[in-house]
């Protein structure tokens, strides 16, 4: 998966991500919106063959990169717990 920063300042981050659907980004945005330091968390899907997906995160305090890392870690932990539960039961 290719990821590149489109625009960045102290509180705003726009990241271009090479995905064509919202499967990975939707849980990330949901987790970001739980963070009280995050003001905006959204993604925009363009045409699948012409445009890249852009994730936009704006923070009230702190760096957007920190919020993204924190949200990604929380998602990984949740899915790890889910996997462990499946492995026990199946």
N, C-alpha and C. Protein backbone atom coordinates (compact mmCIF):
# COMPACT_ATOMS: atom_id res chain seq x y z
N UNK A 1 0.85 -1.17 0.00
CA UNK A 1 0.00 0.00 0.00
C UNK A 1 0.89 1.23 0.00
N UNK A 2 0.67 2.09 -0.96
CA UNK A 2 1.46 3.32 -1.06
C UNK A 2 0.78 4.45 -0.29
N UNK A 3 1.56 5.14 0.54
CA UNK A 3 1.07 6.26 1.34
C UNK A 3 2.01 7.43 1.15
N UNK A 4 1.44 8.61 0.87
CA UNK A 4 2.29 9.80 0.73
C UNK A 4 1.55 11.01 1.29
N UNK A 5 2.33 11.89 1.88
CA UNK A 5 1.77 13.11 2.47
C UNK A 5 1.53 14.13 1.36
N UNK A 6 0.29 14.62 1.27
CA UNK A 6 -0.07 15.65 0.30
C UNK A 6 0.16 17.04 0.86
N UNK A 7 -0.30 17.20 2.11
CA UNK A 7 -0.23 18.52 2.75
C UNK A 7 -0.08 18.31 4.24
N UNK A 8 0.76 19.14 4.86
CA UNK A 8 1.01 18.97 6.29
C UNK A 8 1.34 20.31 6.92
N UNK A 9 0.74 20.55 8.11
CA UNK A 9 1.15 21.65 8.96
C UNK A 9 0.98 21.18 10.41
N UNK A 10 1.05 22.08 11.37
CA UNK A 10 1.03 21.67 12.78
C UNK A 10 -0.23 20.89 13.19
N UNK A 11 -1.37 21.26 12.63
CA UNK A 11 -2.64 20.67 13.07
C UNK A 11 -3.38 19.89 11.98
N UNK A 12 -2.97 20.04 10.73
CA UNK A 12 -3.65 19.41 9.60
C UNK A 12 -2.71 18.47 8.86
N UNK A 13 -3.28 17.34 8.44
CA UNK A 13 -2.51 16.38 7.65
C UNK A 13 -3.42 15.78 6.59
N UNK A 14 -2.99 15.83 5.35
CA UNK A 14 -3.70 15.21 4.23
C UNK A 14 -2.77 14.14 3.67
N UNK A 15 -3.24 12.90 3.70
CA UNK A 15 -2.42 11.77 3.27
C UNK A 15 -3.11 11.08 2.10
N UNK A 16 -2.37 10.89 1.03
CA UNK A 16 -2.86 10.15 -0.13
C UNK A 16 -2.55 8.67 0.10
N UNK A 17 -3.58 7.85 -0.03
CA UNK A 17 -3.44 6.42 0.24
C UNK A 17 -3.95 5.64 -0.96
N UNK A 18 -3.18 4.68 -1.38
CA UNK A 18 -3.52 3.89 -2.56
C UNK A 18 -4.47 2.74 -2.18
N UNK A 19 -5.72 3.10 -1.87
CA UNK A 19 -6.78 2.11 -1.63
C UNK A 19 -8.00 2.55 -2.43
N UNK A 20 -8.79 1.58 -2.85
CA UNK A 20 -9.96 1.92 -3.68
C UNK A 20 -11.28 1.73 -2.96
N UNK A 21 -11.23 1.36 -1.69
CA UNK A 21 -12.48 1.25 -0.93
C UNK A 21 -12.24 1.71 0.50
N UNK A 22 -13.29 1.68 1.29
CA UNK A 22 -13.20 2.23 2.65
C UNK A 22 -12.97 1.18 3.72
N UNK A 23 -12.68 -0.04 3.33
CA UNK A 23 -12.53 -1.14 4.29
C UNK A 23 -11.51 -0.86 5.37
N UNK A 24 -10.38 -0.30 5.01
CA UNK A 24 -9.34 -0.01 6.00
C UNK A 24 -9.51 1.35 6.65
N UNK A 25 -10.01 2.30 5.89
CA UNK A 25 -10.07 3.67 6.40
C UNK A 25 -11.25 3.93 7.33
N UNK A 26 -12.36 3.26 7.11
CA UNK A 26 -13.53 3.52 7.95
C UNK A 26 -13.26 3.25 9.44
N UNK A 27 -12.71 2.09 9.80
CA UNK A 27 -12.39 1.88 11.23
C UNK A 27 -11.37 2.88 11.77
N UNK A 28 -10.42 3.28 10.93
CA UNK A 28 -9.42 4.26 11.37
C UNK A 28 -10.07 5.60 11.67
N UNK A 29 -10.94 6.05 10.79
CA UNK A 29 -11.64 7.32 11.01
C UNK A 29 -12.53 7.24 12.25
N UNK A 30 -13.24 6.12 12.42
CA UNK A 30 -14.07 5.96 13.62
C UNK A 30 -13.24 6.06 14.89
N UNK A 31 -12.09 5.42 14.89
CA UNK A 31 -11.21 5.45 16.07
C UNK A 31 -10.65 6.85 16.29
N UNK A 32 -10.28 7.53 15.22
CA UNK A 32 -9.78 8.90 15.34
C UNK A 32 -10.83 9.83 15.94
N UNK A 33 -12.08 9.65 15.55
CA UNK A 33 -13.15 10.52 16.05
C UNK A 33 -13.45 10.31 17.54
N UNK A 34 -13.00 9.20 18.10
CA UNK A 34 -13.14 8.96 19.54
C UNK A 34 -12.12 9.77 20.34
N UNK A 35 -11.06 10.19 19.69
CA UNK A 35 -9.97 10.92 20.32
C UNK A 35 -10.38 12.39 20.51
N UNK A 36 -10.37 12.86 21.74
CA UNK A 36 -10.79 14.23 22.04
C UNK A 36 -9.84 15.28 21.49
N UNK A 37 -8.63 14.89 21.12
CA UNK A 37 -7.69 15.85 20.54
C UNK A 37 -7.93 16.04 19.04
N UNK A 38 -8.76 15.19 18.44
CA UNK A 38 -9.01 15.25 16.99
C UNK A 38 -10.24 16.10 16.72
N UNK A 39 -10.09 17.05 15.82
CA UNK A 39 -11.17 17.95 15.42
C UNK A 39 -11.89 17.40 14.18
N UNK A 40 -11.13 16.97 13.19
CA UNK A 40 -11.69 16.42 11.96
C UNK A 40 -10.94 15.14 11.60
N UNK A 41 -11.68 14.11 11.22
CA UNK A 41 -11.11 12.88 10.67
C UNK A 41 -12.07 12.44 9.57
N UNK A 42 -11.58 12.43 8.35
CA UNK A 42 -12.43 12.08 7.21
C UNK A 42 -11.56 11.54 6.09
N UNK A 43 -12.20 10.86 5.15
CA UNK A 43 -11.50 10.43 3.96
C UNK A 43 -12.39 10.69 2.76
N UNK A 44 -11.75 10.87 1.63
CA UNK A 44 -12.47 11.12 0.39
C UNK A 44 -12.03 10.10 -0.64
N UNK A 45 -13.01 9.38 -1.16
CA UNK A 45 -12.75 8.41 -2.22
C UNK A 45 -13.04 9.07 -3.55
N UNK A 46 -12.11 8.97 -4.45
CA UNK A 46 -12.34 9.47 -5.80
C UNK A 46 -12.73 8.33 -6.71
N UNK A 47 -12.64 8.57 -7.98
CA UNK A 47 -12.90 7.52 -8.96
C UNK A 47 -11.83 6.45 -8.80
N UNK A 48 -12.21 5.17 -8.74
CA UNK A 48 -11.24 4.11 -8.45
C UNK A 48 -10.08 4.00 -9.45
N UNK A 49 -10.31 4.38 -10.68
CA UNK A 49 -9.24 4.27 -11.67
C UNK A 49 -8.49 5.58 -11.92
N UNK A 50 -9.03 6.67 -11.39
CA UNK A 50 -8.43 7.98 -11.69
C UNK A 50 -7.86 8.70 -10.47
N UNK A 51 -8.48 8.52 -9.33
CA UNK A 51 -8.12 9.31 -8.15
C UNK A 51 -7.64 8.42 -7.01
N UNK A 52 -6.80 8.99 -6.18
CA UNK A 52 -6.39 8.31 -4.95
C UNK A 52 -7.32 8.72 -3.82
N UNK A 53 -7.33 7.93 -2.79
CA UNK A 53 -8.09 8.25 -1.59
C UNK A 53 -7.24 9.17 -0.72
N UNK A 54 -7.89 10.16 -0.10
CA UNK A 54 -7.19 11.10 0.75
C UNK A 54 -7.78 11.07 2.16
N UNK A 55 -6.92 10.84 3.14
CA UNK A 55 -7.29 10.89 4.55
C UNK A 55 -6.91 12.27 5.07
N UNK A 56 -7.86 12.93 5.74
CA UNK A 56 -7.62 14.26 6.31
C UNK A 56 -7.84 14.18 7.81
N UNK A 57 -6.85 14.60 8.57
CA UNK A 57 -6.95 14.64 10.03
C UNK A 57 -6.51 16.02 10.50
N UNK A 58 -7.38 16.64 11.32
CA UNK A 58 -7.04 17.92 11.95
C UNK A 58 -7.19 17.73 13.46
N UNK A 59 -6.20 18.19 14.19
CA UNK A 59 -6.24 18.07 15.64
C UNK A 59 -6.47 19.42 16.30
N UNK A 60 -7.08 19.36 17.49
CA UNK A 60 -7.24 20.56 18.32
C UNK A 60 -5.93 20.83 19.05
N UNK A 61 -5.37 19.76 19.58
CA UNK A 61 -4.08 19.82 20.26
C UNK A 61 -3.26 18.61 19.82
N UNK A 62 -1.97 18.74 19.86
CA UNK A 62 -1.10 17.64 19.46
C UNK A 62 -0.98 17.53 17.95
N UNK A 63 -0.17 16.57 17.54
CA UNK A 63 0.10 16.37 16.12
C UNK A 63 -0.86 15.34 15.52
N UNK A 64 -1.32 15.55 14.29
CA UNK A 64 -2.19 14.57 13.65
C UNK A 64 -1.51 13.20 13.47
N UNK A 65 -0.19 13.22 13.25
CA UNK A 65 0.53 11.96 13.09
C UNK A 65 0.42 11.10 14.35
N UNK A 66 0.51 11.75 15.50
CA UNK A 66 0.40 11.04 16.78
C UNK A 66 -0.98 10.43 16.93
N UNK A 67 -2.01 11.18 16.57
CA UNK A 67 -3.39 10.68 16.66
C UNK A 67 -3.60 9.48 15.74
N UNK A 68 -3.04 9.54 14.54
CA UNK A 68 -3.19 8.42 13.59
C UNK A 68 -2.50 7.18 14.12
N UNK A 69 -1.30 7.33 14.64
CA UNK A 69 -0.57 6.18 15.19
C UNK A 69 -1.33 5.57 16.37
N UNK A 70 -1.87 6.41 17.23
CA UNK A 70 -2.64 5.94 18.39
C UNK A 70 -3.89 5.18 17.94
N UNK A 71 -4.60 5.71 16.95
CA UNK A 71 -5.80 5.06 16.44
C UNK A 71 -5.47 3.74 15.77
N UNK A 72 -4.41 3.72 14.98
CA UNK A 72 -4.00 2.48 14.30
C UNK A 72 -3.64 1.40 15.31
N UNK A 73 -2.96 1.79 16.37
CA UNK A 73 -2.59 0.83 17.43
C UNK A 73 -3.84 0.27 18.10
N UNK A 74 -4.81 1.12 18.38
CA UNK A 74 -6.05 0.67 19.02
C UNK A 74 -6.80 -0.32 18.13
N UNK A 75 -6.82 -0.06 16.84
CA UNK A 75 -7.49 -0.96 15.90
C UNK A 75 -6.76 -2.30 15.85
N UNK A 76 -5.44 -2.27 15.79
CA UNK A 76 -4.67 -3.51 15.76
C UNK A 76 -4.93 -4.34 17.02
N UNK A 77 -5.01 -3.70 18.17
CA UNK A 77 -5.27 -4.42 19.41
C UNK A 77 -6.67 -5.03 19.41
N UNK A 78 -7.66 -4.29 18.90
CA UNK A 78 -9.03 -4.81 18.85
C UNK A 78 -9.12 -6.03 17.93
N UNK A 79 -8.48 -5.95 16.77
CA UNK A 79 -8.52 -7.08 15.84
C UNK A 79 -7.70 -8.25 16.36
N UNK A 80 -6.66 -7.98 17.12
CA UNK A 80 -5.89 -9.05 17.73
C UNK A 80 -6.73 -9.81 18.74
N UNK A 81 -7.51 -9.07 19.54
CA UNK A 81 -8.41 -9.72 20.50
C UNK A 81 -9.47 -10.54 19.78
N UNK A 82 -9.99 -10.02 18.68
CA UNK A 82 -10.98 -10.75 17.90
C UNK A 82 -10.38 -12.04 17.34
N UNK A 83 -9.18 -11.94 16.81
CA UNK A 83 -8.50 -13.11 16.27
C UNK A 83 -8.29 -14.16 17.35
N UNK A 84 -7.84 -13.73 18.52
CA UNK A 84 -7.61 -14.65 19.63
C UNK A 84 -8.90 -15.36 20.01
N UNK A 85 -10.00 -14.61 20.04
CA UNK A 85 -11.29 -15.22 20.34
C UNK A 85 -11.70 -16.25 19.32
N UNK A 86 -11.50 -15.94 18.04
CA UNK A 86 -11.82 -16.91 16.99
C UNK A 86 -10.96 -18.16 17.10
N UNK A 87 -9.67 -17.96 17.37
CA UNK A 87 -8.77 -19.09 17.47
C UNK A 87 -9.14 -20.02 18.62
N UNK A 88 -9.63 -19.46 19.72
CA UNK A 88 -10.05 -20.27 20.85
C UNK A 88 -11.30 -21.08 20.54
N UNK A 89 -12.22 -20.46 19.85
CA UNK A 89 -13.52 -21.07 19.62
C UNK A 89 -13.61 -21.94 18.37
N UNK A 90 -12.74 -21.70 17.41
CA UNK A 90 -12.89 -22.44 16.15
C UNK A 90 -11.87 -23.53 15.98
